[in-house]
Amino acid sequence: MSSMDINEIMKYLPHRYPFLMLDKIESVEPGTKIVAVKNVSINEPFFQGHFPNRPVFPGVLILEAMAQAAAILSFKTEGTTPDANSVYYFVGIDGARFKKPVGPGDQLVLEVEFTRAVKGIWKFAGKAKVGDALVAEAELMCTVRKVA
């Protein structure tokens, strides 16, 4: 179980501000589970319009944060890092549920567990929490594809 800072995270993900959704990896157990953190700040650009009177972190971005954590878990499981000729795609979501709104000042803790891989499609169970409260959950499917 190892942790990762933002510099190591950026070695595994091509995303950059404003679309890099992870600030820290608290722990990663290759082949099993990853726990990641997203610090939610009022400075994020989408809060101007989502919503002006009640800022809410978009649910779709919670799912994206889960997928980014899943990508790191996949690469750590395979003992590889991505290269310039491959892209890690989010290919499916099942059972997405949003339980409570997330807003500025919250620390989103993402727990993503590997469940199986079939024909290059990796499946994960993801949960997002703020403190002890479950705020979202979903089953995610992702894959790596070569690009030319």
N, C-alpha and C. Protein backbone atom coordinates (compact mmCIF):
# COMPACT_ATOMS: atom_id res chain seq x y z
N MET A 1 0.85 -1.18 0.00
CA MET A 1 0.00 0.00 0.00
C MET A 1 0.89 1.24 0.00
N SER A 2 0.87 1.94 -1.11
CA SER A 2 1.70 3.13 -1.20
C SER A 2 0.84 4.35 -1.50
N SER A 3 1.36 5.53 -1.13
CA SER A 3 0.67 6.78 -1.42
C SER A 3 1.36 7.44 -2.61
N MET A 4 0.70 8.43 -3.19
CA MET A 4 1.25 9.15 -4.33
C MET A 4 0.91 10.63 -4.19
N ASP A 5 1.87 11.49 -4.49
CA ASP A 5 1.59 12.92 -4.50
C ASP A 5 1.18 13.33 -5.92
N ILE A 6 0.88 14.61 -6.09
CA ILE A 6 0.38 15.10 -7.37
C ILE A 6 1.40 14.90 -8.50
N ASN A 7 2.69 15.01 -8.20
CA ASN A 7 3.70 14.83 -9.24
C ASN A 7 3.69 13.40 -9.78
N GLU A 8 3.52 12.42 -8.91
CA GLU A 8 3.46 11.03 -9.37
C GLU A 8 2.14 10.75 -10.08
N ILE A 9 1.04 11.33 -9.58
CA ILE A 9 -0.26 11.16 -10.25
C ILE A 9 -0.16 11.61 -11.71
N MET A 10 0.52 12.74 -11.95
CA MET A 10 0.62 13.28 -13.32
C MET A 10 1.49 12.41 -14.23
N LYS A 11 2.25 11.51 -13.67
CA LYS A 11 2.99 10.55 -14.50
C LYS A 11 2.06 9.45 -15.04
N TYR A 12 0.93 9.25 -14.37
CA TYR A 12 -0.01 8.20 -14.76
C TYR A 12 -1.23 8.71 -15.52
N LEU A 13 -1.53 9.99 -15.39
CA LEU A 13 -2.71 10.56 -16.05
C LEU A 13 -2.31 11.70 -16.99
N PRO A 14 -2.89 11.74 -18.19
CA PRO A 14 -2.59 12.85 -19.10
C PRO A 14 -3.37 14.12 -18.77
N HIS A 15 -4.38 14.02 -17.91
CA HIS A 15 -5.23 15.15 -17.56
C HIS A 15 -4.43 16.24 -16.85
N ARG A 16 -4.84 17.47 -17.11
CA ARG A 16 -4.25 18.63 -16.45
C ARG A 16 -5.38 19.59 -16.08
N TYR A 17 -5.06 20.61 -15.28
CA TYR A 17 -6.06 21.59 -14.88
C TYR A 17 -6.77 22.13 -16.11
N PRO A 18 -8.07 22.24 -16.09
CA PRO A 18 -8.98 22.04 -14.97
C PRO A 18 -9.60 20.64 -14.92
N PHE A 19 -9.03 19.67 -15.65
CA PHE A 19 -9.69 18.37 -15.70
C PHE A 19 -8.98 17.27 -14.91
N LEU A 20 -7.88 17.56 -14.27
CA LEU A 20 -7.26 16.59 -13.38
C LEU A 20 -8.05 16.62 -12.08
N MET A 21 -8.71 15.51 -11.76
CA MET A 21 -9.64 15.47 -10.64
C MET A 21 -9.06 14.90 -9.36
N LEU A 22 -7.79 14.51 -9.35
CA LEU A 22 -7.20 13.91 -8.16
C LEU A 22 -6.09 14.80 -7.62
N ASP A 23 -6.03 14.93 -6.30
CA ASP A 23 -4.98 15.71 -5.65
C ASP A 23 -3.95 14.82 -4.96
N LYS A 24 -4.37 13.63 -4.55
CA LYS A 24 -3.50 12.75 -3.78
C LYS A 24 -4.05 11.33 -3.82
N ILE A 25 -3.15 10.36 -3.79
CA ILE A 25 -3.53 8.96 -3.61
C ILE A 25 -3.11 8.60 -2.20
N GLU A 26 -4.07 8.22 -1.38
CA GLU A 26 -3.75 7.83 0.00
C GLU A 26 -3.16 6.43 0.05
N SER A 27 -3.73 5.53 -0.77
CA SER A 27 -3.20 4.16 -0.80
C SER A 27 -3.60 3.49 -2.10
N VAL A 28 -2.76 2.58 -2.54
CA VAL A 28 -3.07 1.76 -3.71
C VAL A 28 -2.56 0.35 -3.46
N GLU A 29 -3.45 -0.60 -3.64
CA GLU A 29 -3.12 -2.02 -3.54
C GLU A 29 -3.33 -2.60 -4.94
N PRO A 30 -2.26 -2.77 -5.73
CA PRO A 30 -2.43 -3.27 -7.09
C PRO A 30 -3.30 -4.53 -7.14
N GLY A 31 -4.22 -4.53 -8.11
CA GLY A 31 -5.12 -5.66 -8.29
C GLY A 31 -6.30 -5.67 -7.35
N THR A 32 -6.35 -4.69 -6.44
CA THR A 32 -7.41 -4.71 -5.43
C THR A 32 -8.16 -3.40 -5.31
N LYS A 33 -7.47 -2.35 -4.80
CA LYS A 33 -8.18 -1.13 -4.40
C LYS A 33 -7.26 0.08 -4.42
N ILE A 34 -7.89 1.25 -4.64
CA ILE A 34 -7.19 2.53 -4.53
C ILE A 34 -8.08 3.50 -3.75
N VAL A 35 -7.44 4.35 -2.96
CA VAL A 35 -8.14 5.41 -2.24
C VAL A 35 -7.49 6.72 -2.64
N ALA A 36 -8.29 7.61 -3.24
CA ALA A 36 -7.79 8.88 -3.77
C ALA A 36 -8.56 10.04 -3.13
N VAL A 37 -7.96 11.23 -3.23
CA VAL A 37 -8.56 12.42 -2.64
C VAL A 37 -8.68 13.52 -3.69
N LYS A 38 -9.83 14.19 -3.68
CA LYS A 38 -10.08 15.39 -4.48
C LYS A 38 -10.50 16.48 -3.51
N ASN A 39 -9.69 17.52 -3.40
CA ASN A 39 -10.05 18.67 -2.56
C ASN A 39 -10.90 19.62 -3.40
N VAL A 40 -12.11 19.86 -2.97
CA VAL A 40 -13.05 20.68 -3.75
C VAL A 40 -12.89 22.14 -3.32
N SER A 41 -12.58 23.00 -4.30
CA SER A 41 -12.31 24.41 -4.04
C SER A 41 -13.30 25.31 -4.79
N ILE A 42 -13.68 26.40 -4.16
CA ILE A 42 -14.57 27.37 -4.81
C ILE A 42 -13.93 27.96 -6.05
N ASN A 43 -12.61 27.86 -6.21
CA ASN A 43 -11.91 28.41 -7.36
C ASN A 43 -12.11 27.60 -8.64
N GLU A 44 -12.76 26.47 -8.56
CA GLU A 44 -12.94 25.65 -9.76
C GLU A 44 -13.91 26.33 -10.71
N PRO A 45 -13.59 26.32 -12.02
CA PRO A 45 -14.32 27.15 -12.98
C PRO A 45 -15.81 26.83 -13.12
N PHE A 46 -16.22 25.60 -12.92
CA PHE A 46 -17.63 25.24 -13.13
C PHE A 46 -18.55 25.81 -12.06
N PHE A 47 -18.01 26.21 -10.89
CA PHE A 47 -18.88 26.73 -9.83
C PHE A 47 -19.54 28.05 -10.20
N GLN A 48 -19.00 28.79 -11.17
CA GLN A 48 -19.64 30.04 -11.60
C GLN A 48 -21.04 29.78 -12.14
N GLY A 49 -21.23 28.64 -12.77
CA GLY A 49 -22.54 28.36 -13.35
C GLY A 49 -23.25 27.15 -12.77
N HIS A 50 -22.65 26.47 -11.80
CA HIS A 50 -23.22 25.22 -11.26
C HIS A 50 -23.16 25.23 -9.75
N PHE A 51 -23.87 25.90 -9.08
CA PHE A 51 -24.89 26.89 -9.40
C PHE A 51 -24.49 28.20 -8.72
N PRO A 52 -24.79 29.35 -9.32
CA PRO A 52 -24.33 30.62 -8.75
C PRO A 52 -24.75 30.85 -7.29
N ASN A 53 -25.95 30.44 -6.91
CA ASN A 53 -26.43 30.67 -5.55
C ASN A 53 -26.18 29.49 -4.61
N ARG A 54 -25.84 28.34 -5.15
CA ARG A 54 -25.57 27.15 -4.32
C ARG A 54 -24.58 26.28 -5.07
N PRO A 55 -23.26 26.53 -4.92
CA PRO A 55 -22.26 25.78 -5.67
C PRO A 55 -22.33 24.28 -5.37
N VAL A 56 -22.44 23.48 -6.43
CA VAL A 56 -22.50 22.02 -6.30
C VAL A 56 -21.49 21.41 -7.26
N PHE A 57 -20.64 20.55 -6.74
CA PHE A 57 -19.67 19.83 -7.56
C PHE A 57 -20.44 18.89 -8.48
N PRO A 58 -20.30 18.99 -9.81
CA PRO A 58 -21.11 18.17 -10.72
C PRO A 58 -20.89 16.67 -10.52
N GLY A 59 -22.00 15.94 -10.47
CA GLY A 59 -21.94 14.49 -10.29
C GLY A 59 -21.11 13.80 -11.36
N VAL A 60 -21.19 14.27 -12.58
CA VAL A 60 -20.42 13.66 -13.66
C VAL A 60 -18.92 13.79 -13.40
N LEU A 61 -18.50 14.85 -12.70
CA LEU A 61 -17.09 15.01 -12.37
C LEU A 61 -16.67 14.11 -11.21
N ILE A 62 -17.61 13.76 -10.34
CA ILE A 62 -17.32 12.75 -9.31
C ILE A 62 -17.04 11.42 -10.00
N LEU A 63 -17.84 11.08 -11.01
CA LEU A 63 -17.61 9.84 -11.77
C LEU A 63 -16.28 9.90 -12.51
N GLU A 64 -15.95 11.05 -13.08
CA GLU A 64 -14.67 11.20 -13.76
C GLU A 64 -13.51 11.02 -12.78
N ALA A 65 -13.64 11.55 -11.57
CA ALA A 65 -12.60 11.38 -10.55
C ALA A 65 -12.43 9.89 -10.22
N MET A 66 -13.54 9.16 -10.12
CA MET A 66 -13.47 7.72 -9.88
C MET A 66 -12.73 7.03 -11.03
N ALA A 67 -13.04 7.42 -12.26
CA ALA A 67 -12.40 6.81 -13.43
C ALA A 67 -10.91 7.11 -13.46
N GLN A 68 -10.51 8.32 -13.07
CA GLN A 68 -9.09 8.64 -13.03
C GLN A 68 -8.38 7.80 -11.98
N ALA A 69 -9.01 7.59 -10.83
CA ALA A 69 -8.44 6.70 -9.81
C ALA A 69 -8.35 5.28 -10.35
N ALA A 70 -9.39 4.83 -11.05
CA ALA A 70 -9.38 3.49 -11.65
C ALA A 70 -8.24 3.33 -12.65
N ALA A 71 -7.96 4.37 -13.41
CA ALA A 71 -6.85 4.32 -14.37
C ALA A 71 -5.53 4.07 -13.66
N ILE A 72 -5.29 4.80 -12.58
CA ILE A 72 -4.05 4.60 -11.83
C ILE A 72 -3.99 3.20 -11.26
N LEU A 73 -5.11 2.71 -10.72
CA LEU A 73 -5.15 1.34 -10.20
C LEU A 73 -4.82 0.33 -11.30
N SER A 74 -5.34 0.54 -12.50
CA SER A 74 -5.07 -0.37 -13.63
C SER A 74 -3.58 -0.38 -13.97
N PHE A 75 -2.99 0.80 -14.10
CA PHE A 75 -1.57 0.88 -14.45
C PHE A 75 -0.70 0.29 -13.35
N LYS A 76 -1.04 0.57 -12.09
CA LYS A 76 -0.27 0.00 -10.98
C LYS A 76 -0.40 -1.53 -10.95
N THR A 77 -1.58 -2.03 -11.28
CA THR A 77 -1.82 -3.48 -11.30
C THR A 77 -0.96 -4.14 -12.38
N GLU A 78 -0.89 -3.50 -13.55
CA GLU A 78 -0.10 -4.05 -14.65
C GLU A 78 1.40 -3.74 -14.53
N GLY A 79 1.76 -2.87 -13.60
CA GLY A 79 3.16 -2.48 -13.44
C GLY A 79 3.68 -1.65 -14.60
N THR A 80 2.79 -0.84 -15.20
CA THR A 80 3.16 -0.02 -16.35
C THR A 80 2.77 1.43 -16.11
N THR A 81 3.22 2.30 -16.99
CA THR A 81 2.75 3.68 -17.05
C THR A 81 2.28 3.91 -18.49
N PRO A 82 1.35 4.84 -18.67
CA PRO A 82 0.86 5.09 -20.03
C PRO A 82 1.95 5.68 -20.91
N ASP A 83 1.80 5.48 -22.22
CA ASP A 83 2.72 6.11 -23.16
C ASP A 83 1.95 7.04 -24.08
N ALA A 84 2.66 7.76 -24.93
CA ALA A 84 2.04 8.75 -25.80
C ALA A 84 1.13 8.13 -26.86
N ASN A 85 1.21 6.82 -27.05
CA ASN A 85 0.41 6.15 -28.08
C ASN A 85 -0.82 5.43 -27.53
N SER A 86 -1.14 5.67 -26.25
CA SER A 86 -2.31 5.01 -25.69
C SER A 86 -3.14 6.00 -24.88
N VAL A 87 -4.43 5.72 -24.82
CA VAL A 87 -5.37 6.54 -24.06
C VAL A 87 -6.22 5.61 -23.20
N TYR A 88 -6.43 5.99 -21.96
CA TYR A 88 -7.28 5.23 -21.04
C TYR A 88 -8.68 5.82 -21.13
N TYR A 89 -9.62 5.04 -21.67
CA TYR A 89 -10.98 5.52 -21.90
C TYR A 89 -11.94 5.01 -20.85
N PHE A 90 -12.87 5.87 -20.50
CA PHE A 90 -14.03 5.55 -19.67
C PHE A 90 -15.06 5.00 -20.65
N VAL A 91 -15.46 3.73 -20.56
CA VAL A 91 -16.35 3.16 -21.57
C VAL A 91 -17.74 2.80 -21.07
N GLY A 92 -17.98 2.89 -19.76
CA GLY A 92 -19.31 2.58 -19.28
C GLY A 92 -19.51 2.90 -17.82
N ILE A 93 -20.76 3.15 -17.47
CA ILE A 93 -21.18 3.42 -16.09
C ILE A 93 -22.47 2.65 -15.86
N ASP A 94 -22.51 1.94 -14.76
CA ASP A 94 -23.75 1.28 -14.35
C ASP A 94 -24.07 1.66 -12.92
N GLY A 95 -25.34 1.79 -12.61
CA GLY A 95 -25.79 1.99 -11.24
C GLY A 95 -25.29 3.25 -10.57
N ALA A 96 -25.07 4.30 -11.32
CA ALA A 96 -24.61 5.56 -10.70
C ALA A 96 -25.73 6.14 -9.84
N ARG A 97 -25.34 6.48 -8.62
CA ARG A 97 -26.28 7.07 -7.67
C ARG A 97 -25.60 8.21 -6.95
N PHE A 98 -26.32 9.31 -6.80
CA PHE A 98 -25.80 10.48 -6.10
C PHE A 98 -26.65 10.68 -4.86
N LYS A 99 -26.01 10.61 -3.70
CA LYS A 99 -26.73 10.60 -2.43
C LYS A 99 -26.82 11.97 -1.76
N LYS A 100 -25.74 12.76 -1.86
CA LYS A 100 -25.70 14.07 -1.22
C LYS A 100 -24.88 15.01 -2.09
N PRO A 101 -25.21 16.31 -2.09
CA PRO A 101 -24.41 17.26 -2.87
C PRO A 101 -23.02 17.45 -2.23
N VAL A 102 -22.05 17.73 -3.09
CA VAL A 102 -20.67 18.02 -2.68
C VAL A 102 -20.41 19.47 -3.06
N GLY A 103 -19.77 20.21 -2.15
CA GLY A 103 -19.54 21.62 -2.43
C GLY A 103 -18.16 22.09 -2.04
N PRO A 104 -17.89 23.36 -2.27
CA PRO A 104 -16.59 23.93 -1.94
C PRO A 104 -16.24 23.69 -0.48
N GLY A 105 -14.99 23.33 -0.25
CA GLY A 105 -14.52 23.05 1.10
C GLY A 105 -14.58 21.58 1.48
N ASP A 106 -15.33 20.79 0.70
CA ASP A 106 -15.41 19.35 0.98
C ASP A 106 -14.16 18.65 0.48
N GLN A 107 -13.81 17.57 1.16
CA GLN A 107 -12.74 16.69 0.69
C GLN A 107 -13.41 15.40 0.25
N LEU A 108 -13.35 15.14 -1.05
CA LEU A 108 -13.97 13.97 -1.65
C LEU A 108 -12.96 12.82 -1.58
N VAL A 109 -13.35 11.74 -0.91
CA VAL A 109 -12.49 10.56 -0.82
C VAL A 109 -13.09 9.49 -1.72
N LEU A 110 -12.30 9.04 -2.68
CA LEU A 110 -12.75 8.09 -3.70
C LEU A 110 -12.15 6.73 -3.39
N GLU A 111 -13.02 5.74 -3.24
CA GLU A 111 -12.59 4.37 -3.00
C GLU A 111 -13.02 3.55 -4.21
N VAL A 112 -12.04 3.04 -4.95
CA VAL A 112 -12.33 2.29 -6.17
C VAL A 112 -11.72 0.91 -6.06
N GLU A 113 -12.56 -0.11 -6.23
CA GLU A 113 -12.11 -1.50 -6.14
C GLU A 113 -12.20 -2.17 -7.50
N PHE A 114 -11.14 -2.88 -7.86
CA PHE A 114 -11.12 -3.68 -9.08
C PHE A 114 -12.04 -4.88 -8.87
N THR A 115 -12.93 -5.14 -9.83
CA THR A 115 -13.80 -6.31 -9.70
C THR A 115 -13.49 -7.39 -10.74
N ARG A 116 -13.16 -6.99 -11.98
CA ARG A 116 -12.77 -7.99 -12.99
C ARG A 116 -12.30 -7.32 -14.27
N ALA A 117 -11.63 -8.12 -15.09
CA ALA A 117 -11.21 -7.66 -16.42
C ALA A 117 -11.54 -8.75 -17.42
N VAL A 118 -12.21 -8.37 -18.50
CA VAL A 118 -12.58 -9.32 -19.55
C VAL A 118 -12.32 -8.65 -20.90
N LYS A 119 -11.50 -9.29 -21.74
CA LYS A 119 -11.20 -8.81 -23.08
C LYS A 119 -10.78 -7.34 -23.10
N GLY A 120 -9.92 -6.97 -22.17
CA GLY A 120 -9.38 -5.61 -22.16
C GLY A 120 -10.28 -4.55 -21.52
N ILE A 121 -11.46 -4.96 -21.05
CA ILE A 121 -12.35 -4.04 -20.35
C ILE A 121 -12.22 -4.32 -18.85
N TRP A 122 -11.81 -3.30 -18.12
CA TRP A 122 -11.65 -3.41 -16.67
C TRP A 122 -12.92 -2.88 -16.00
N LYS A 123 -13.39 -3.60 -14.98
CA LYS A 123 -14.59 -3.18 -14.27
C LYS A 123 -14.23 -2.89 -12.81
N PHE A 124 -14.84 -1.81 -12.28
CA PHE A 124 -14.55 -1.33 -10.94
C PHE A 124 -15.83 -0.97 -10.21
N ALA A 125 -15.79 -1.06 -8.89
CA ALA A 125 -16.87 -0.56 -8.03
C ALA A 125 -16.31 0.68 -7.35
N GLY A 126 -16.99 1.82 -7.53
CA GLY A 126 -16.50 3.06 -6.96
C GLY A 126 -17.47 3.66 -5.96
N LYS A 127 -16.89 4.24 -4.91
CA LYS A 127 -17.67 4.98 -3.92
C LYS A 127 -16.96 6.30 -3.67
N ALA A 128 -17.75 7.35 -3.47
CA ALA A 128 -17.22 8.66 -3.11
C ALA A 128 -17.84 9.06 -1.78
N LYS A 129 -16.98 9.52 -0.88
CA LYS A 129 -17.44 9.92 0.45
C LYS A 129 -16.92 11.31 0.79
N VAL A 130 -17.67 12.00 1.63
CA VAL A 130 -17.22 13.21 2.29
C VAL A 130 -17.36 12.90 3.77
N GLY A 131 -16.22 12.80 4.46
CA GLY A 131 -16.25 12.33 5.84
C GLY A 131 -16.74 10.90 5.84
N ASP A 132 -17.72 10.61 6.68
CA ASP A 132 -18.29 9.26 6.73
C ASP A 132 -19.50 9.10 5.82
N ALA A 133 -19.93 10.18 5.17
CA ALA A 133 -21.15 10.15 4.36
C ALA A 133 -20.85 9.70 2.93
N LEU A 134 -21.58 8.69 2.47
CA LEU A 134 -21.52 8.26 1.07
C LEU A 134 -22.24 9.31 0.24
N VAL A 135 -21.53 9.88 -0.76
CA VAL A 135 -22.15 10.92 -1.59
C VAL A 135 -22.45 10.41 -3.00
N ALA A 136 -21.73 9.38 -3.46
CA ALA A 136 -21.99 8.83 -4.80
C ALA A 136 -21.40 7.43 -4.87
N GLU A 137 -21.95 6.63 -5.79
CA GLU A 137 -21.42 5.30 -6.06
C GLU A 137 -21.77 4.90 -7.49
N ALA A 138 -20.95 4.02 -8.06
CA ALA A 138 -21.20 3.57 -9.43
C ALA A 138 -20.29 2.39 -9.75
N GLU A 139 -20.67 1.63 -10.76
CA GLU A 139 -19.80 0.63 -11.35
C GLU A 139 -19.24 1.26 -12.62
N LEU A 140 -17.93 1.17 -12.80
CA LEU A 140 -17.25 1.82 -13.92
C LEU A 140 -16.59 0.78 -14.81
N MET A 141 -16.56 1.06 -16.11
CA MET A 141 -15.82 0.22 -17.05
C MET A 141 -14.86 1.10 -17.84
N CYS A 142 -13.62 0.64 -17.95
CA CYS A 142 -12.57 1.42 -18.61
C CYS A 142 -11.70 0.49 -19.45
N THR A 143 -10.99 1.08 -20.42
CA THR A 143 -10.09 0.31 -21.25
C THR A 143 -8.95 1.19 -21.76
N VAL A 144 -7.86 0.57 -22.13
CA VAL A 144 -6.74 1.27 -22.76
C VAL A 144 -6.77 0.95 -24.24
N ARG A 145 -6.64 1.97 -25.07
CA ARG A 145 -6.62 1.80 -26.52
C ARG A 145 -5.43 2.53 -27.11
N LYS A 146 -4.85 1.96 -28.14
CA LYS A 146 -3.77 2.61 -28.85
C LYS A 146 -4.36 3.66 -29.78
N VAL A 147 -3.66 4.79 -29.89
CA VAL A 147 -4.07 5.86 -30.80
C VAL A 147 -2.93 6.11 -31.76
N ALA A 148 -3.25 6.55 -32.96
CA ALA A 148 -2.21 6.79 -33.97
C ALA A 148 -1.93 8.26 -34.12
